[in-house]
Amino acid sequence: MIQFDELIQLMSEHSIAHSHDLVGVPLSEIKAMEAYFNVKFPALYVQFLFTCGRSAGKLADWTAIYFDDLKEISEEYSFQANAQSSHNKLHSNALIIAHYGTYFDYIHCTGVADPEVYRVDFRLSTLEPTLLSNSLALYFKSMIMQAIDNKGNIEPFYIDECGNWQADDLISEAPGVE
């Protein structure tokens, strides 16, 4: 398993985030969020939030992944799911950790330290989750590699005055996991 320190070092080596760019979340706030969602976050996710849950430099300019996004992206998922069908609810132990355009990535909070990551795509007629990564650590590594590859490129989305995601160019795909 990839150690979280290795991910931080990889971000630093490629100027995605240096130590002064990392802003974490106090454990008391993480515990309060666990209580809000009624789940226990996986250890690796707690480490991510504690180290860089509020800022990780250029890691995710257009993807909502930070601690302060968690409630909002959960509400957005519920809104989208309710608009499609009441049958598209996630399991009670699911935690949405990222939102990018029509994509929502989530993990299951079942006591596994480094859980699998799943994706739901609202462009599809049915919300069939797909396994995106066998490991949250690999998911974060892939996100870092995507940030390295896209350094200096035009971002594919912007948020308009109403808070809606809009395509900024011809790229309209969320980053995948390699």
C-alpha atoms as a PDB file:
ATOM      1  CA  MET A   1       0.000   0.000   0.000  1.00  0.00           C
ATOM      2  CA  ILE A   2       1.178   3.509  -0.804  1.00  0.00           C
ATOM      3  CA  GLN A   3       2.010   5.549   2.266  1.00  0.00           C
ATOM      4  CA  PHE A   4       0.354   8.945   2.525  1.00  0.00           C
ATOM      5  CA  ASP A   5       3.747  10.612   3.040  1.00  0.00           C
ATOM      6  CA  GLU A   6       4.759   9.307  -0.403  1.00  0.00           C
ATOM      7  CA  LEU A   7       1.784  11.111  -1.941  1.00  0.00           C
ATOM      8  CA  ILE A   8       2.711  14.365  -0.210  1.00  0.00           C
ATOM      9  CA  GLN A   9       6.311  13.975  -1.412  1.00  0.00           C
ATOM     10  CA  LEU A  10       5.115  13.315  -4.989  1.00  0.00           C
ATOM     11  CA  MET A  11       3.040  16.524  -4.898  1.00  0.00           C
ATOM     12  CA  SER A  12       6.033  18.480  -3.631  1.00  0.00           C
ATOM     13  CA  GLU A  13       8.472  17.022  -6.177  1.00  0.00           C
ATOM     14  CA  HIS A  14       6.188  18.081  -9.038  1.00  0.00           C
ATOM     15  CA  SER A  15       5.210  21.479  -7.570  1.00  0.00           C
ATOM     16  CA  ILE A  16       1.572  20.486  -7.142  1.00  0.00           C
ATOM     17  CA  ALA A  17       1.698  21.347  -3.443  1.00  0.00           C
ATOM     18  CA  HIS A  18       4.482  22.229  -1.040  1.00  0.00           C
ATOM     19  CA  SER A  19       4.218  22.113   2.748  1.00  0.00           C
ATOM     20  CA  HIS A  20       3.114  25.779   2.895  1.00  0.00           C
ATOM     21  CA  ASP A  21       0.245  24.947   0.475  1.00  0.00           C
ATOM     22  CA  LEU A  22      -1.181  22.224   2.711  1.00  0.00           C
ATOM     23  CA  VAL A  23      -3.967  23.244   5.045  1.00  0.00           C
ATOM     24  CA  GLY A  24      -5.484  20.491   7.115  1.00  0.00           C
ATOM     25  CA  VAL A  25      -8.579  20.077   9.238  1.00  0.00           C
ATOM     26  CA  PRO A  26      -8.457  19.644  13.026  1.00  0.00           C
ATOM     27  CA  LEU A  27      -9.406  16.169  14.233  1.00  0.00           C
ATOM     28  CA  SER A  28     -12.298  17.661  16.208  1.00  0.00           C
ATOM     29  CA  GLU A  29     -13.881  18.918  12.970  1.00  0.00           C
ATOM     30  CA  ILE A  30     -13.280  15.567  11.262  1.00  0.00           C
ATOM     31  CA  LYS A  31     -15.004  13.784  14.166  1.00  0.00           C
ATOM     32  CA  ALA A  32     -17.931  16.221  13.927  1.00  0.00           C
ATOM     33  CA  MET A  33     -18.264  15.485  10.204  1.00  0.00           C
ATOM     34  CA  GLU A  34     -18.204  11.743  10.906  1.00  0.00           C
ATOM     35  CA  ALA A  35     -21.065  12.302  13.353  1.00  0.00           C
ATOM     36  CA  TYR A  36     -22.935  14.376  10.776  1.00  0.00           C
ATOM     37  CA  PHE A  37     -22.715  11.569   8.201  1.00  0.00           C
ATOM     38  CA  ASN A  38     -23.051   8.856  10.879  1.00  0.00           C
ATOM     39  CA  VAL A  39     -19.984   6.949   9.604  1.00  0.00           C
ATOM     40  CA  LYS A  40     -16.379   6.438  10.668  1.00  0.00           C
ATOM     41  CA  PHE A  41     -14.045   7.694   7.967  1.00  0.00           C
ATOM     42  CA  PRO A  42     -11.309   5.317   6.765  1.00  0.00           C
ATOM     43  CA  ALA A  43      -7.887   5.968   8.321  1.00  0.00           C
ATOM     44  CA  LEU A  44      -6.328   7.076   5.028  1.00  0.00           C
ATOM     45  CA  TYR A  45      -9.139   9.546   4.412  1.00  0.00           C
ATOM     46  CA  VAL A  46      -8.734  10.971   7.934  1.00  0.00           C
ATOM     47  CA  GLN A  47      -5.016  11.397   7.206  1.00  0.00           C
ATOM     48  CA  PHE A  48      -5.843  13.183   3.935  1.00  0.00           C
ATOM     49  CA  LEU A  49      -8.283  15.540   5.675  1.00  0.00           C
ATOM     50  CA  PHE A  50      -5.929  16.161   8.608  1.00  0.00           C
ATOM     51  CA  THR A  51      -3.005  16.978   6.286  1.00  0.00           C
ATOM     52  CA  CYS A  52      -4.624  18.758   3.359  1.00  0.00           C
ATOM     53  CA  GLY A  53      -8.384  18.716   3.831  1.00  0.00           C
ATOM     54  CA  ARG A  54      -8.738  22.427   3.167  1.00  0.00           C
ATOM     55  CA  SER A  55      -5.987  22.984   0.622  1.00  0.00           C
ATOM     56  CA  ALA A  56      -3.511  20.926  -1.344  1.00  0.00           C
ATOM     57  CA  GLY A  57      -2.144  23.493  -3.735  1.00  0.00           C
ATOM     58  CA  LYS A  58      -2.932  22.643  -7.361  1.00  0.00           C
ATOM     59  CA  LEU A  59      -4.147  19.113  -6.648  1.00  0.00           C
ATOM     60  CA  ALA A  60      -7.766  19.597  -7.605  1.00  0.00           C
ATOM     61  CA  ASP A  61      -8.485  23.019  -9.046  1.00  0.00           C
ATOM     62  CA  TRP A  62     -11.889  22.074 -10.485  1.00  0.00           C
ATOM     63  CA  THR A  63     -12.843  19.000  -8.504  1.00  0.00           C
ATOM     64  CA  ALA A  64     -14.654  19.431  -5.207  1.00  0.00           C
ATOM     65  CA  ILE A  65     -12.629  17.214  -2.836  1.00  0.00           C
ATOM     66  CA  TYR A  66     -12.036  19.281   0.238  1.00  0.00           C
ATOM     67  CA  PHE A  67     -13.525  19.004   3.708  1.00  0.00           C
ATOM     68  CA  ASP A  68     -15.684  22.086   3.318  1.00  0.00           C
ATOM     69  CA  ASP A  69     -17.204  20.555   0.153  1.00  0.00           C
ATOM     70  CA  LEU A  70     -18.411  17.328   1.776  1.00  0.00           C
ATOM     71  CA  LYS A  71     -21.890  18.439   2.821  1.00  0.00           C
ATOM     72  CA  GLU A  72     -22.466  20.394  -0.372  1.00  0.00           C
ATOM     73  CA  ILE A  73     -21.475  17.573  -2.727  1.00  0.00           C
ATOM     74  CA  SER A  74     -23.581  15.124  -0.725  1.00  0.00           C
ATOM     75  CA  GLU A  75     -26.577  17.443  -1.085  1.00  0.00           C
ATOM     76  CA  GLU A  76     -25.852  17.900  -4.797  1.00  0.00           C
ATOM     77  CA  TYR A  77     -25.716  14.120  -5.254  1.00  0.00           C
ATOM     78  CA  SER A  78     -29.058  13.733  -3.459  1.00  0.00           C
ATOM     79  CA  PHE A  79     -30.585  16.458  -5.619  1.00  0.00           C
ATOM     80  CA  GLN A  80     -29.323  14.808  -8.832  1.00  0.00           C
ATOM     81  CA  ALA A  81     -30.417  11.337  -7.681  1.00  0.00           C
ATOM     82  CA  ASN A  82     -33.887  12.559  -6.705  1.00  0.00           C
ATOM     83  CA  ALA A  83     -34.225  14.261 -10.094  1.00  0.00           C
ATOM     84  CA  GLN A  84     -33.438  10.943 -11.831  1.00  0.00           C
ATOM     85  CA  SER A  85     -35.152   8.357  -9.650  1.00  0.00           C
ATOM     86  CA  SER A  86     -35.685   7.494  -6.021  1.00  0.00           C
ATOM     87  CA  HIS A  87     -34.004   4.121  -6.673  1.00  0.00           C
ATOM     88  CA  ASN A  88     -30.567   5.717  -7.022  1.00  0.00           C
ATOM     89  CA  LYS A  89     -29.618   6.108  -3.390  1.00  0.00           C
ATOM     90  CA  LEU A  90     -26.188   5.160  -2.096  1.00  0.00           C
ATOM     91  CA  HIS A  91     -25.779   2.770   0.816  1.00  0.00           C
ATOM     92  CA  SER A  92     -25.841   4.388   4.238  1.00  0.00           C
ATOM     93  CA  ASN A  93     -22.099   3.797   4.715  1.00  0.00           C
ATOM     94  CA  ALA A  94     -21.181   5.546   1.459  1.00  0.00           C
ATOM     95  CA  LEU A  95     -19.353   8.871   1.614  1.00  0.00           C
ATOM     96  CA  ILE A  96     -19.081  11.053  -1.467  1.00  0.00           C
ATOM     97  CA  ILE A  97     -15.523  12.372  -1.563  1.00  0.00           C
ATOM     98  CA  ALA A  98     -15.355  14.138  -4.935  1.00  0.00           C
ATOM     99  CA  HIS A  99     -17.584  15.898  -7.421  1.00  0.00           C
ATOM    100  CA  TYR A 100     -16.547  16.883 -10.927  1.00  0.00           C
ATOM    101  CA  GLY A 101     -19.228  17.935 -13.387  1.00  0.00           C
ATOM    102  CA  THR A 102     -21.616  14.991 -13.680  1.00  0.00           C
ATOM    103  CA  TYR A 103     -19.307  12.605 -11.807  1.00  0.00           C
ATOM    104  CA  PHE A 104     -19.458  11.755  -8.118  1.00  0.00           C
ATOM    105  CA  ASP A 105     -16.775   9.576  -6.504  1.00  0.00           C
ATOM    106  CA  TYR A 106     -17.420   7.800  -3.238  1.00  0.00           C
ATOM    107  CA  ILE A 107     -16.040   5.310  -0.759  1.00  0.00           C
ATOM    108  CA  HIS A 108     -17.679   2.913   1.673  1.00  0.00           C
ATOM    109  CA  CYS A 109     -16.945   3.590   5.341  1.00  0.00           C
ATOM    110  CA  THR A 110     -16.807   0.018   6.599  1.00  0.00           C
ATOM    111  CA  GLY A 111     -13.655  -0.001   8.712  1.00  0.00           C
ATOM    112  CA  VAL A 112     -11.269  -0.663   5.818  1.00  0.00           C
ATOM    113  CA  ALA A 113      -8.250   1.656   6.137  1.00  0.00           C
ATOM    114  CA  ASP A 114      -7.762   2.093   2.366  1.00  0.00           C
ATOM    115  CA  PRO A 115     -11.142   1.453   0.686  1.00  0.00           C
ATOM    116  CA  GLU A 116     -12.083   1.098  -2.965  1.00  0.00           C
ATOM    117  CA  VAL A 117     -13.360   4.178  -4.789  1.00  0.00           C
ATOM    118  CA  TYR A 118     -16.491   4.102  -6.931  1.00  0.00           C
ATOM    119  CA  ARG A 119     -17.880   6.577  -9.458  1.00  0.00           C
ATOM    120  CA  VAL A 120     -21.419   7.452 -10.447  1.00  0.00           C
ATOM    121  CA  ASP A 121     -21.987   9.305 -13.719  1.00  0.00           C
ATOM    122  CA  PHE A 122     -25.231  11.274 -14.011  1.00  0.00           C
ATOM    123  CA  ARG A 123     -24.940  11.472 -17.806  1.00  0.00           C
ATOM    124  CA  LEU A 124     -26.006   7.833 -17.931  1.00  0.00           C
ATOM    125  CA  SER A 125     -29.675   6.860 -17.863  1.00  0.00           C
ATOM    126  CA  THR A 126     -29.190   4.570 -14.855  1.00  0.00           C
ATOM    127  CA  LEU A 127     -26.834   5.202 -12.003  1.00  0.00           C
ATOM    128  CA  GLU A 128     -24.689   2.122 -12.001  1.00  0.00           C
ATOM    129  CA  PRO A 129     -21.637   2.674  -9.824  1.00  0.00           C
ATOM    130  CA  THR A 130     -18.373   1.654 -11.409  1.00  0.00           C
ATOM    131  CA  LEU A 131     -15.249   0.654  -9.542  1.00  0.00           C
ATOM    132  CA  LEU A 132     -12.832   3.486 -10.183  1.00  0.00           C
ATOM    133  CA  SER A 133      -9.903   2.397  -8.023  1.00  0.00           C
ATOM    134  CA  ASN A 134      -9.059  -0.584  -5.847  1.00  0.00           C
ATOM    135  CA  SER A 135      -7.508   1.786  -3.340  1.00  0.00           C
ATOM    136  CA  LEU A 136      -8.086   5.307  -2.041  1.00  0.00           C
ATOM    137  CA  ALA A 137      -4.299   5.770  -1.991  1.00  0.00           C
ATOM    138  CA  LEU A 138      -4.109   4.890  -5.693  1.00  0.00           C
ATOM    139  CA  TYR A 139      -7.036   7.220  -6.351  1.00  0.00           C
ATOM    140  CA  PHE A 140      -5.125  10.085  -4.702  1.00  0.00           C
ATOM    141  CA  LYS A 141      -1.968   9.133  -6.617  1.00  0.00           C
ATOM    142  CA  SER A 142      -3.913   9.175  -9.883  1.00  0.00           C
ATOM    143  CA  MET A 143      -5.318  12.588  -8.983  1.00  0.00           C
ATOM    144  CA  ILE A 144      -1.764  13.828  -8.372  1.00  0.00           C
ATOM    145  CA  MET A 145      -0.573  12.379 -11.685  1.00  0.00           C
ATOM    146  CA  GLN A 146      -3.513  14.064 -13.460  1.00  0.00           C
ATOM    147  CA  ALA A 147      -2.531  17.382 -11.845  1.00  0.00           C
ATOM    148  CA  ILE A 148       1.066  16.866 -13.003  1.00  0.00           C
ATOM    149  CA  ASP A 149      -0.086  16.094 -16.565  1.00  0.00           C
ATOM    150  CA  ASN A 150      -2.460  19.073 -16.697  1.00  0.00           C
ATOM    151  CA  LYS A 151      -0.123  21.650 -15.199  1.00  0.00           C
ATOM    152  CA  GLY A 152      -0.592  24.832 -17.191  1.00  0.00           C
ATOM    153  CA  ASN A 153      -3.508  23.542 -19.275  1.00  0.00           C
ATOM    154  CA  ILE A 154      -6.848  25.298 -19.543  1.00  0.00           C
ATOM    155  CA  GLU A 155      -9.279  23.879 -17.046  1.00  0.00           C
ATOM    156  CA  PRO A 156     -12.236  22.128 -18.682  1.00  0.00           C
ATOM    157  CA  PHE A 157     -14.944  23.636 -16.437  1.00  0.00           C
ATOM    158  CA  TYR A 158     -15.809  26.866 -14.740  1.00  0.00           C
ATOM    159  CA  ILE A 159     -18.606  27.747 -12.349  1.00  0.00           C
ATOM    160  CA  ASP A 160     -21.081  30.299 -13.687  1.00  0.00           C
ATOM    161  CA  GLU A 161     -22.807  33.050 -11.695  1.00  0.00           C
ATOM    162  CA  CYS A 162     -25.560  30.620 -10.606  1.00  0.00           C
ATOM    163  CA  GLY A 163     -23.057  28.086  -9.270  1.00  0.00           C
ATOM    164  CA  ASN A 164     -23.505  25.656 -12.187  1.00  0.00           C
ATOM    165  CA  TRP A 165     -20.624  23.821 -13.845  1.00  0.00           C
ATOM    166  CA  GLN A 166     -20.105  24.897 -17.463  1.00  0.00           C
ATOM    167  CA  ALA A 167     -17.835  23.400 -20.119  1.00  0.00           C
ATOM    168  CA  ASP A 168     -14.950  25.783 -20.836  1.00  0.00           C
ATOM    169  CA  ASP A 169     -13.567  23.993 -23.860  1.00  0.00           C
ATOM    170  CA  LEU A 170     -13.983  20.693 -25.674  1.00  0.00           C
ATOM    171  CA  ILE A 171     -12.732  18.610 -22.746  1.00  0.00           C
ATOM    172  CA  SER A 172     -15.691  17.449 -20.671  1.00  0.00           C
ATOM    173  CA  GLU A 173     -14.462  14.308 -18.958  1.00  0.00           C
ATOM    174  CA  ALA A 174     -13.569  14.015 -15.318  1.00  0.00           C
ATOM    175  CA  PRO A 175     -10.084  12.714 -14.582  1.00  0.00           C
ATOM    176  CA  GLY A 176      -9.955   8.937 -14.571  1.00  0.00           C
ATOM    177  CA  VAL A 177      -7.850   6.567 -12.565  1.00  0.00           C
ATOM    178  CA  GLU A 178      -4.977   4.837 -14.285  1.00  0.00           C
END
